[in-house]
């Protein structure tokens, strides 16, 4: 369930603490896509080359946290707009890619996606739903499941001809509220 505007390390960085030095090594470039500015949201993932239908593009990686910790970190009531990098993998666990995630977190939402998230056990992989042209932005349908959601926090900016106006799943959209995007 990621959004797409977090900082990505440009090179290995060293963080000093009073007791030790930690080194964060950047991930190698993904052979299928690169991260660039996106018209949809912040940064996005763009195909380096043609990606055949069914290709496993990347695993969605990040810190494994409880749903309670996710709620603590991302309180909708205090956000002007919804912006997280969470993926639910079980009734107890989410993957939060904000702090320790990989470039999968830059794949934006679309109501007409060219990718899909596939769960294998407790791992999430992004696969091509159809052949993707070189230069095309990768996307999948976030379809957030949120009870009593404030639709205004979950606006979609994908621009698809049949955009539903929200990154919420159709079952999470209150029937009394319009979910059309305010562009």
N, C-alpha and C. Protein backbone atom coordinates (compact mmCIF):
# COMPACT_ATOMS: atom_id res chain seq x y z
N UNK A 1 0.79 -1.18 0.00
CA UNK A 1 0.00 0.00 0.00
C UNK A 1 0.85 1.27 0.00
N UNK A 2 1.83 1.31 -0.74
CA UNK A 2 2.65 2.46 -0.64
C UNK A 2 2.15 3.66 -1.35
N UNK A 3 2.64 4.90 -0.92
CA UNK A 3 2.53 6.13 -1.68
C UNK A 3 3.93 6.38 -2.21
N UNK A 4 4.25 7.59 -2.74
CA UNK A 4 5.55 7.66 -3.39
C UNK A 4 6.28 8.97 -3.28
N UNK A 5 6.68 9.38 -2.10
CA UNK A 5 7.50 10.58 -2.06
C UNK A 5 8.52 10.58 -0.93
N UNK A 6 9.02 9.41 -0.56
CA UNK A 6 10.05 9.35 0.48
C UNK A 6 11.42 9.55 -0.12
N UNK A 7 12.39 9.90 0.72
CA UNK A 7 13.77 10.08 0.25
C UNK A 7 14.43 8.73 0.05
N UNK A 8 15.24 8.62 -0.98
CA UNK A 8 16.00 7.41 -1.27
C UNK A 8 17.48 7.75 -1.12
N UNK A 9 18.27 6.90 -0.45
CA UNK A 9 19.69 7.22 -0.32
C UNK A 9 20.37 7.27 -1.68
N UNK A 10 21.24 8.26 -1.88
CA UNK A 10 21.95 8.40 -3.15
C UNK A 10 23.23 7.59 -3.15
N UNK A 11 23.81 7.37 -1.99
CA UNK A 11 25.04 6.59 -1.87
C UNK A 11 25.11 6.08 -0.44
N UNK A 12 26.06 5.21 -0.17
CA UNK A 12 26.21 4.71 1.19
C UNK A 12 26.45 5.88 2.12
N UNK A 13 25.77 5.85 3.25
CA UNK A 13 25.94 6.92 4.24
C UNK A 13 26.33 6.30 5.57
N UNK A 14 27.08 7.03 6.35
CA UNK A 14 27.46 6.55 7.68
C UNK A 14 26.74 7.38 8.71
N UNK A 15 26.14 6.69 9.68
CA UNK A 15 25.45 7.36 10.77
C UNK A 15 26.25 7.09 12.03
N UNK A 16 26.62 8.14 12.74
CA UNK A 16 27.42 7.97 13.95
C UNK A 16 26.53 8.08 15.17
N UNK A 17 26.80 7.21 16.12
CA UNK A 17 26.15 7.30 17.42
C UNK A 17 27.26 7.35 18.46
N UNK A 18 26.88 7.47 19.69
CA UNK A 18 27.89 7.55 20.75
C UNK A 18 28.67 6.24 20.88
N UNK A 19 28.08 5.13 20.47
CA UNK A 19 28.74 3.85 20.68
C UNK A 19 29.22 3.14 19.43
N UNK A 20 28.61 3.40 18.28
CA UNK A 20 29.03 2.68 17.09
C UNK A 20 28.68 3.45 15.83
N UNK A 21 29.25 3.03 14.73
CA UNK A 21 28.97 3.61 13.43
C UNK A 21 28.23 2.58 12.59
N UNK A 22 27.10 2.98 12.02
CA UNK A 22 26.33 2.07 11.17
C UNK A 22 26.45 2.54 9.74
N UNK A 23 26.55 1.60 8.82
CA UNK A 23 26.65 1.94 7.41
C UNK A 23 25.43 1.39 6.69
N UNK A 24 24.81 2.23 5.90
CA UNK A 24 23.67 1.78 5.09
C UNK A 24 24.14 1.74 3.64
N UNK A 25 24.08 0.57 3.06
CA UNK A 25 24.51 0.40 1.68
C UNK A 25 23.29 0.53 0.78
N UNK A 26 23.39 1.31 -0.28
CA UNK A 26 22.23 1.44 -1.17
C UNK A 26 22.00 0.14 -1.93
N UNK A 27 20.75 -0.09 -2.28
CA UNK A 27 20.45 -1.31 -3.04
C UNK A 27 20.95 -1.17 -4.47
N UNK A 28 21.28 -2.28 -5.11
CA UNK A 28 21.70 -2.19 -6.51
C UNK A 28 20.52 -1.77 -7.37
N UNK A 29 20.77 -1.17 -8.52
CA UNK A 29 19.66 -0.75 -9.38
C UNK A 29 18.79 -1.94 -9.79
N UNK A 30 17.49 -1.73 -9.79
CA UNK A 30 16.58 -2.78 -10.24
C UNK A 30 16.71 -2.90 -11.75
N UNK A 31 16.84 -4.11 -12.29
CA UNK A 31 16.99 -4.25 -13.74
C UNK A 31 15.73 -3.88 -14.52
N UNK A 32 14.58 -3.85 -13.85
CA UNK A 32 13.32 -3.61 -14.56
C UNK A 32 12.88 -2.16 -14.56
N UNK A 33 13.23 -1.40 -13.51
CA UNK A 33 12.74 -0.02 -13.45
C UNK A 33 13.73 0.90 -12.78
N UNK A 34 13.50 2.21 -12.99
CA UNK A 34 14.26 3.23 -12.29
C UNK A 34 13.26 4.20 -11.67
N UNK A 35 13.71 4.93 -10.66
CA UNK A 35 12.84 5.85 -9.92
C UNK A 35 13.09 7.26 -10.42
N UNK A 36 11.99 7.91 -10.83
CA UNK A 36 12.04 9.28 -11.33
C UNK A 36 10.82 10.05 -10.83
N UNK A 37 10.80 11.34 -11.09
CA UNK A 37 9.65 12.19 -10.75
C UNK A 37 8.41 11.66 -11.47
N UNK A 38 7.28 11.66 -10.77
CA UNK A 38 6.03 11.11 -11.32
C UNK A 38 4.94 12.17 -11.37
N UNK A 39 4.15 12.13 -12.43
CA UNK A 39 2.99 13.01 -12.53
C UNK A 39 1.88 12.55 -11.59
N UNK A 40 1.90 11.29 -11.19
CA UNK A 40 0.87 10.76 -10.29
C UNK A 40 1.10 11.27 -8.87
N UNK A 41 2.32 11.06 -8.35
CA UNK A 41 2.60 11.39 -6.95
C UNK A 41 4.09 11.33 -6.70
N UNK A 42 4.71 12.41 -6.33
CA UNK A 42 6.11 12.41 -5.91
C UNK A 42 7.04 11.74 -6.89
N UNK A 43 7.55 10.60 -6.48
CA UNK A 43 8.40 9.80 -7.35
C UNK A 43 7.64 8.55 -7.77
N UNK A 44 8.06 7.99 -8.89
CA UNK A 44 7.43 6.77 -9.39
C UNK A 44 8.47 5.85 -9.99
N UNK A 45 8.05 4.64 -10.29
CA UNK A 45 8.91 3.63 -10.90
C UNK A 45 8.58 3.56 -12.38
N UNK A 46 9.60 3.67 -13.23
CA UNK A 46 9.41 3.68 -14.69
C UNK A 46 10.21 2.55 -15.32
N UNK A 47 9.57 1.82 -16.22
CA UNK A 47 10.20 0.67 -16.86
C UNK A 47 11.46 1.07 -17.63
N UNK A 48 12.56 0.39 -17.37
CA UNK A 48 13.82 0.61 -18.09
C UNK A 48 13.76 0.00 -19.49
N UNK A 49 12.97 -1.05 -19.60
CA UNK A 49 12.86 -1.83 -20.83
C UNK A 49 11.47 -2.44 -20.86
N UNK A 50 11.12 -3.09 -21.94
CA UNK A 50 9.84 -3.78 -22.01
C UNK A 50 9.82 -4.86 -20.93
N UNK A 51 8.72 -4.93 -20.19
CA UNK A 51 8.56 -5.95 -19.15
C UNK A 51 7.45 -6.90 -19.59
N UNK A 52 7.76 -8.17 -19.80
CA UNK A 52 6.74 -9.12 -20.24
C UNK A 52 5.67 -9.36 -19.16
N UNK A 53 4.46 -9.67 -19.61
CA UNK A 53 3.36 -10.03 -18.71
C UNK A 53 3.81 -11.18 -17.81
N UNK A 54 3.46 -11.09 -16.52
CA UNK A 54 3.77 -12.15 -15.57
C UNK A 54 5.13 -12.05 -14.92
N UNK A 55 5.95 -11.09 -15.33
CA UNK A 55 7.29 -10.94 -14.75
C UNK A 55 7.21 -10.54 -13.29
N UNK A 56 7.99 -11.22 -12.45
CA UNK A 56 8.15 -10.79 -11.06
C UNK A 56 9.16 -9.66 -11.07
N UNK A 57 8.69 -8.45 -10.76
CA UNK A 57 9.52 -7.25 -10.91
C UNK A 57 10.37 -6.97 -9.68
N UNK A 58 9.77 -7.09 -8.50
CA UNK A 58 10.49 -6.76 -7.26
C UNK A 58 9.71 -7.29 -6.07
N UNK A 59 10.42 -7.58 -4.99
CA UNK A 59 9.78 -7.90 -3.72
C UNK A 59 9.61 -6.60 -2.94
N UNK A 60 8.46 -6.45 -2.28
CA UNK A 60 8.20 -5.28 -1.44
C UNK A 60 8.84 -5.54 -0.08
N UNK A 61 9.88 -4.79 0.25
CA UNK A 61 10.62 -5.00 1.50
C UNK A 61 10.45 -3.83 2.45
N UNK A 62 10.60 -4.12 3.73
CA UNK A 62 10.54 -3.09 4.75
C UNK A 62 10.53 -3.70 6.13
N UNK A 63 10.30 -2.86 7.11
CA UNK A 63 10.26 -3.29 8.50
C UNK A 63 8.92 -3.97 8.78
N UNK A 64 8.97 -5.10 9.46
CA UNK A 64 7.74 -5.82 9.83
C UNK A 64 7.28 -5.30 11.18
N UNK A 65 6.04 -4.78 11.19
CA UNK A 65 5.50 -4.18 12.41
C UNK A 65 4.08 -4.69 12.63
N UNK A 66 3.57 -4.47 13.85
CA UNK A 66 2.19 -4.85 14.15
C UNK A 66 1.23 -3.79 13.61
N UNK A 67 -0.03 -4.15 13.53
CA UNK A 67 -1.04 -3.17 13.11
C UNK A 67 -1.14 -2.03 14.12
N UNK A 68 -0.97 -2.35 15.40
CA UNK A 68 -1.00 -1.31 16.43
C UNK A 68 0.13 -0.30 16.22
N UNK A 69 1.31 -0.79 15.89
CA UNK A 69 2.44 0.11 15.63
C UNK A 69 2.18 0.93 14.37
N UNK A 70 1.57 0.32 13.36
CA UNK A 70 1.23 1.06 12.13
C UNK A 70 0.26 2.19 12.45
N UNK A 71 -0.74 1.91 13.28
CA UNK A 71 -1.71 2.94 13.67
C UNK A 71 -1.03 4.06 14.44
N UNK A 72 -0.06 3.71 15.28
CA UNK A 72 0.66 4.72 16.04
C UNK A 72 1.50 5.61 15.11
N UNK A 73 2.17 5.00 14.15
CA UNK A 73 3.03 5.76 13.23
C UNK A 73 2.24 6.62 12.25
N UNK A 74 1.08 6.12 11.83
CA UNK A 74 0.33 6.79 10.77
C UNK A 74 -1.10 7.03 11.22
N UNK A 75 -1.30 8.09 11.96
CA UNK A 75 -2.61 8.45 12.47
C UNK A 75 -3.32 9.32 11.44
N UNK A 76 -4.36 8.78 10.80
CA UNK A 76 -5.09 9.53 9.77
C UNK A 76 -5.59 10.88 10.27
N UNK A 77 -5.97 10.94 11.55
CA UNK A 77 -6.53 12.18 12.08
C UNK A 77 -5.52 13.33 12.05
N UNK A 78 -4.23 13.00 12.09
CA UNK A 78 -3.23 14.07 12.10
C UNK A 78 -2.61 14.32 10.72
N UNK A 79 -3.04 13.58 9.69
CA UNK A 79 -2.48 13.76 8.35
C UNK A 79 -3.36 14.67 7.50
N UNK A 80 -2.72 15.53 6.69
CA UNK A 80 -3.47 16.34 5.74
C UNK A 80 -3.91 15.49 4.55
N UNK A 81 -3.09 14.51 4.21
CA UNK A 81 -3.42 13.54 3.18
C UNK A 81 -2.78 12.22 3.59
N UNK A 82 -3.32 11.14 3.10
CA UNK A 82 -2.79 9.83 3.46
C UNK A 82 -1.44 9.61 2.78
N UNK A 83 -0.45 9.24 3.56
CA UNK A 83 0.88 9.01 2.99
C UNK A 83 1.60 7.98 3.85
N UNK A 84 1.55 6.73 3.43
CA UNK A 84 2.26 5.67 4.15
C UNK A 84 2.90 4.73 3.13
N UNK A 85 3.69 3.82 3.65
CA UNK A 85 4.32 2.79 2.84
C UNK A 85 3.99 1.43 3.43
N UNK A 86 2.75 1.22 3.85
CA UNK A 86 2.34 0.01 4.54
C UNK A 86 1.74 -1.03 3.59
N UNK A 87 2.02 -2.29 3.89
CA UNK A 87 1.42 -3.41 3.18
C UNK A 87 1.01 -4.43 4.23
N UNK A 88 -0.24 -4.81 4.29
CA UNK A 88 -0.70 -5.82 5.24
C UNK A 88 -0.34 -7.20 4.72
N UNK A 89 0.31 -8.01 5.57
CA UNK A 89 0.66 -9.37 5.17
C UNK A 89 -0.08 -10.43 5.98
N UNK A 90 -0.63 -10.05 7.13
CA UNK A 90 -1.40 -10.98 7.94
C UNK A 90 -2.28 -10.18 8.89
N UNK A 91 -3.08 -10.89 9.68
CA UNK A 91 -3.95 -10.21 10.63
C UNK A 91 -3.15 -9.52 11.74
N UNK A 92 -1.87 -9.84 11.86
CA UNK A 92 -1.04 -9.24 12.90
C UNK A 92 0.08 -8.35 12.36
N UNK A 93 0.45 -8.52 11.11
CA UNK A 93 1.68 -7.91 10.62
C UNK A 93 1.50 -7.07 9.37
N UNK A 94 2.24 -5.95 9.34
CA UNK A 94 2.35 -5.08 8.15
C UNK A 94 3.82 -4.95 7.80
N UNK A 95 4.08 -4.62 6.55
CA UNK A 95 5.42 -4.22 6.13
C UNK A 95 5.39 -2.71 5.98
N UNK A 96 6.30 -2.03 6.68
CA UNK A 96 6.43 -0.57 6.58
C UNK A 96 7.74 -0.28 5.86
N UNK A 97 7.64 0.22 4.64
CA UNK A 97 8.82 0.48 3.81
C UNK A 97 9.37 1.89 3.97
N UNK A 98 8.78 2.70 4.86
CA UNK A 98 9.20 4.10 4.99
C UNK A 98 10.65 4.24 5.44
N UNK A 99 11.08 3.43 6.38
CA UNK A 99 12.42 3.59 6.96
C UNK A 99 13.45 2.65 6.34
N UNK A 100 13.07 1.42 6.09
CA UNK A 100 14.04 0.42 5.63
C UNK A 100 13.60 -0.27 4.35
N UNK A 101 12.69 0.32 3.63
CA UNK A 101 12.16 -0.32 2.43
C UNK A 101 13.07 -0.18 1.22
N UNK A 102 12.67 -0.83 0.16
CA UNK A 102 13.41 -0.75 -1.10
C UNK A 102 12.62 0.08 -2.11
N UNK A 103 13.05 0.07 -3.36
CA UNK A 103 12.41 0.91 -4.38
C UNK A 103 10.99 0.47 -4.75
N UNK A 104 10.54 -0.67 -4.27
CA UNK A 104 9.15 -1.07 -4.53
C UNK A 104 8.18 -0.03 -3.96
N UNK A 105 8.60 0.68 -2.92
CA UNK A 105 7.72 1.69 -2.29
C UNK A 105 7.40 2.85 -3.23
N UNK A 106 8.13 3.00 -4.33
CA UNK A 106 7.88 4.09 -5.26
C UNK A 106 6.89 3.73 -6.36
N UNK A 107 6.38 2.51 -6.35
CA UNK A 107 5.38 2.13 -7.35
C UNK A 107 4.05 2.73 -6.91
N UNK A 108 3.52 3.62 -7.72
CA UNK A 108 2.31 4.37 -7.38
C UNK A 108 1.04 3.58 -7.65
N UNK A 109 -0.05 4.09 -7.08
CA UNK A 109 -1.39 3.55 -7.30
C UNK A 109 -1.94 3.99 -8.66
N UNK A 110 -2.74 3.13 -9.26
CA UNK A 110 -3.55 3.50 -10.42
C UNK A 110 -4.83 2.69 -10.39
N UNK A 111 -5.90 3.30 -10.86
CA UNK A 111 -7.18 2.59 -11.01
C UNK A 111 -7.17 1.72 -12.27
N UNK A 112 -6.17 1.88 -13.12
CA UNK A 112 -5.96 1.05 -14.32
C UNK A 112 -4.51 0.54 -14.27
N UNK A 113 -4.20 -0.34 -13.31
CA UNK A 113 -2.82 -0.72 -13.07
C UNK A 113 -2.23 -1.65 -14.13
N UNK A 114 -0.90 -1.59 -14.26
CA UNK A 114 -0.20 -2.53 -15.14
C UNK A 114 0.54 -3.60 -14.34
N UNK A 115 0.49 -3.49 -13.01
CA UNK A 115 1.11 -4.47 -12.11
C UNK A 115 0.10 -4.92 -11.07
N UNK A 116 0.47 -5.95 -10.32
CA UNK A 116 -0.35 -6.39 -9.20
C UNK A 116 0.56 -6.89 -8.09
N UNK A 117 0.06 -6.79 -6.87
CA UNK A 117 0.79 -7.30 -5.72
C UNK A 117 0.37 -8.75 -5.52
N UNK A 118 1.36 -9.63 -5.38
CA UNK A 118 1.11 -11.06 -5.21
C UNK A 118 1.73 -11.48 -3.88
N UNK A 119 0.91 -12.06 -3.01
CA UNK A 119 1.42 -12.51 -1.72
C UNK A 119 1.81 -13.97 -1.80
N UNK A 120 3.02 -14.29 -1.35
CA UNK A 120 3.53 -15.66 -1.28
C UNK A 120 3.96 -15.86 0.17
N UNK A 121 3.14 -16.56 0.94
CA UNK A 121 3.40 -16.67 2.38
C UNK A 121 3.27 -15.30 3.00
N UNK A 122 4.33 -14.84 3.65
CA UNK A 122 4.32 -13.50 4.25
C UNK A 122 5.17 -12.52 3.45
N UNK A 123 5.42 -12.86 2.19
CA UNK A 123 6.20 -11.98 1.31
C UNK A 123 5.28 -11.41 0.24
N UNK A 124 5.59 -10.18 -0.18
CA UNK A 124 4.81 -9.50 -1.22
C UNK A 124 5.72 -9.25 -2.42
N UNK A 125 5.23 -9.63 -3.60
CA UNK A 125 5.97 -9.40 -4.84
C UNK A 125 5.10 -8.58 -5.78
N UNK A 126 5.73 -7.75 -6.57
CA UNK A 126 5.02 -6.98 -7.59
C UNK A 126 5.28 -7.66 -8.93
N UNK A 127 4.19 -8.02 -9.62
CA UNK A 127 4.25 -8.71 -10.91
C UNK A 127 3.61 -7.85 -11.99
N UNK A 128 4.05 -8.02 -13.22
CA UNK A 128 3.43 -7.33 -14.36
C UNK A 128 2.11 -8.02 -14.71
N UNK A 129 1.01 -7.27 -14.72
CA UNK A 129 -0.31 -7.81 -15.11
C UNK A 129 -0.43 -7.96 -16.61
N UNK A 130 0.34 -7.15 -17.31
CA UNK A 130 0.34 -7.14 -18.77
C UNK A 130 1.73 -6.72 -19.22
N UNK A 131 2.00 -6.79 -20.50
CA UNK A 131 3.28 -6.29 -21.01
C UNK A 131 3.34 -4.78 -20.76
N UNK A 132 4.49 -4.32 -20.31
CA UNK A 132 4.69 -2.90 -19.97
C UNK A 132 5.77 -2.34 -20.89
N UNK A 133 5.46 -1.21 -21.52
CA UNK A 133 6.40 -0.57 -22.45
C UNK A 133 7.56 0.10 -21.70
N UNK A 134 8.71 0.16 -22.32
CA UNK A 134 9.84 0.91 -21.77
C UNK A 134 9.41 2.36 -21.57
N UNK A 135 9.73 2.94 -20.42
CA UNK A 135 9.36 4.32 -20.11
C UNK A 135 8.01 4.48 -19.44
N UNK A 136 7.18 3.45 -19.45
CA UNK A 136 5.85 3.50 -18.83
C UNK A 136 5.98 3.44 -17.31
N UNK A 137 5.15 4.22 -16.61
CA UNK A 137 5.18 4.18 -15.14
C UNK A 137 4.50 2.90 -14.65
N UNK A 138 5.15 2.23 -13.70
CA UNK A 138 4.57 1.04 -13.08
C UNK A 138 3.55 1.47 -12.04
N UNK A 139 2.48 0.69 -11.92
CA UNK A 139 1.45 1.02 -10.94
C UNK A 139 0.67 -0.24 -10.58
N UNK A 140 0.06 -0.21 -9.41
CA UNK A 140 -0.89 -1.26 -9.03
C UNK A 140 -1.99 -0.60 -8.21
N UNK A 141 -3.09 -1.30 -8.05
CA UNK A 141 -4.24 -0.77 -7.31
C UNK A 141 -4.01 -1.02 -5.83
N UNK A 142 -3.82 0.06 -5.06
CA UNK A 142 -3.58 -0.10 -3.63
C UNK A 142 -4.79 -0.71 -2.92
N UNK A 143 -6.00 -0.35 -3.33
CA UNK A 143 -7.24 -0.91 -2.77
C UNK A 143 -7.20 -1.01 -1.24
N UNK A 144 -6.87 0.11 -0.59
CA UNK A 144 -6.81 0.13 0.87
C UNK A 144 -8.15 -0.29 1.46
N UNK A 145 -8.09 -1.11 2.49
CA UNK A 145 -9.26 -1.50 3.26
C UNK A 145 -9.23 -0.71 4.56
N UNK A 146 -10.10 0.28 4.68
CA UNK A 146 -10.12 1.14 5.87
C UNK A 146 -11.56 1.33 6.31
N UNK A 147 -11.82 1.07 7.60
CA UNK A 147 -13.16 1.29 8.14
C UNK A 147 -13.35 2.78 8.41
N UNK A 148 -14.53 3.29 8.13
CA UNK A 148 -14.87 4.69 8.39
C UNK A 148 -13.82 5.65 7.83
N UNK A 149 -13.41 5.40 6.61
CA UNK A 149 -12.35 6.19 5.99
C UNK A 149 -12.84 7.59 5.61
N UNK A 150 -11.96 8.55 5.79
CA UNK A 150 -12.19 9.90 5.30
C UNK A 150 -11.68 9.93 3.87
N UNK A 151 -12.58 9.87 2.92
CA UNK A 151 -12.22 9.76 1.50
C UNK A 151 -11.27 10.88 1.08
N UNK A 152 -11.41 12.06 1.68
CA UNK A 152 -10.56 13.19 1.31
C UNK A 152 -9.07 12.93 1.59
N UNK A 153 -8.76 12.01 2.50
CA UNK A 153 -7.37 11.66 2.79
C UNK A 153 -6.80 10.68 1.77
N UNK A 154 -7.66 10.03 1.01
CA UNK A 154 -7.25 8.93 0.13
C UNK A 154 -7.54 9.25 -1.34
N UNK A 155 -7.27 10.46 -1.75
CA UNK A 155 -7.56 10.91 -3.12
C UNK A 155 -6.62 10.23 -4.11
N UNK A 156 -7.16 9.84 -5.25
CA UNK A 156 -6.37 9.25 -6.33
C UNK A 156 -6.06 10.31 -7.37
N UNK A 157 -4.83 10.29 -7.86
CA UNK A 157 -4.40 11.23 -8.90
C UNK A 157 -3.87 10.48 -10.13
N UNK A 158 -4.36 9.26 -10.35
CA UNK A 158 -3.78 8.43 -11.42
C UNK A 158 -4.10 8.94 -12.82
N UNK A 159 -5.22 9.61 -13.00
CA UNK A 159 -5.57 10.14 -14.31
C UNK A 159 -6.13 9.11 -15.27
N UNK A 160 -6.41 7.90 -14.80
CA UNK A 160 -6.98 6.86 -15.67
C UNK A 160 -8.38 7.28 -16.13
N UNK A 161 -8.78 6.91 -17.35
CA UNK A 161 -10.10 7.29 -17.85
C UNK A 161 -11.24 6.88 -16.91
N UNK A 162 -11.11 5.74 -16.23
CA UNK A 162 -12.16 5.28 -15.31
C UNK A 162 -11.68 5.35 -13.86
N UNK A 163 -10.94 6.40 -13.53
CA UNK A 163 -10.44 6.60 -12.17
C UNK A 163 -11.63 6.67 -11.21
N UNK A 164 -11.54 5.94 -10.10
CA UNK A 164 -12.64 5.97 -9.12
C UNK A 164 -12.47 7.10 -8.11
N UNK A 165 -11.34 7.85 -8.21
CA UNK A 165 -11.16 9.04 -7.39
C UNK A 165 -10.55 8.79 -6.03
N UNK A 166 -10.27 7.54 -5.70
CA UNK A 166 -9.72 7.19 -4.40
C UNK A 166 -8.81 5.98 -4.52
N UNK A 167 -7.85 5.88 -3.58
CA UNK A 167 -7.01 4.69 -3.53
C UNK A 167 -7.60 3.64 -2.60
N UNK A 168 -8.78 3.93 -2.04
CA UNK A 168 -9.49 2.96 -1.22
C UNK A 168 -10.09 1.88 -2.10
N UNK A 169 -10.28 0.69 -1.52
CA UNK A 169 -10.99 -0.35 -2.25
C UNK A 169 -12.44 0.09 -2.37
N UNK A 170 -13.15 -0.33 -3.41
CA UNK A 170 -14.55 0.08 -3.55
C UNK A 170 -15.39 -0.23 -2.31
N UNK A 171 -15.08 -1.32 -1.60
CA UNK A 171 -15.86 -1.67 -0.41
C UNK A 171 -15.60 -0.75 0.78
N UNK A 172 -14.52 0.04 0.75
CA UNK A 172 -14.20 0.96 1.85
C UNK A 172 -14.74 2.37 1.65
N UNK A 173 -15.27 2.65 0.47
CA UNK A 173 -15.75 4.01 0.18
C UNK A 173 -17.15 4.17 0.74
N UNK A 174 -17.35 5.14 1.64
CA UNK A 174 -18.70 5.38 2.17
C UNK A 174 -19.66 5.71 1.04
N UNK A 175 -20.82 5.13 1.07
CA UNK A 175 -21.79 5.33 -0.01
C UNK A 175 -22.33 6.75 -0.07
N UNK A 176 -22.24 7.49 1.02
CA UNK A 176 -22.77 8.85 1.06
C UNK A 176 -21.77 9.90 0.61
N UNK A 177 -20.51 9.53 0.40
CA UNK A 177 -19.48 10.50 0.01
C UNK A 177 -19.02 10.26 -1.40
N UNK A 178 -18.83 11.33 -2.13
CA UNK A 178 -18.26 11.23 -3.46
C UNK A 178 -16.76 11.05 -3.33
N UNK A 179 -16.21 10.15 -4.12
CA UNK A 179 -14.77 9.89 -4.04
C UNK A 179 -14.04 10.41 -5.27
N UNK A 180 -14.64 11.26 -6.05
CA UNK A 180 -13.95 11.77 -7.25
C UNK A 180 -12.77 12.63 -6.86
N UNK A 181 -11.69 12.48 -7.58
CA UNK A 181 -10.46 13.25 -7.31
C UNK A 181 -10.70 14.73 -7.53
N UNK A 182 -10.05 15.53 -6.71
CA UNK A 182 -10.14 16.98 -6.83
C UNK A 182 -8.85 17.47 -7.45
N UNK A 183 -8.79 17.48 -8.76
CA UNK A 183 -7.55 17.86 -9.45
C UNK A 183 -7.53 19.31 -9.78
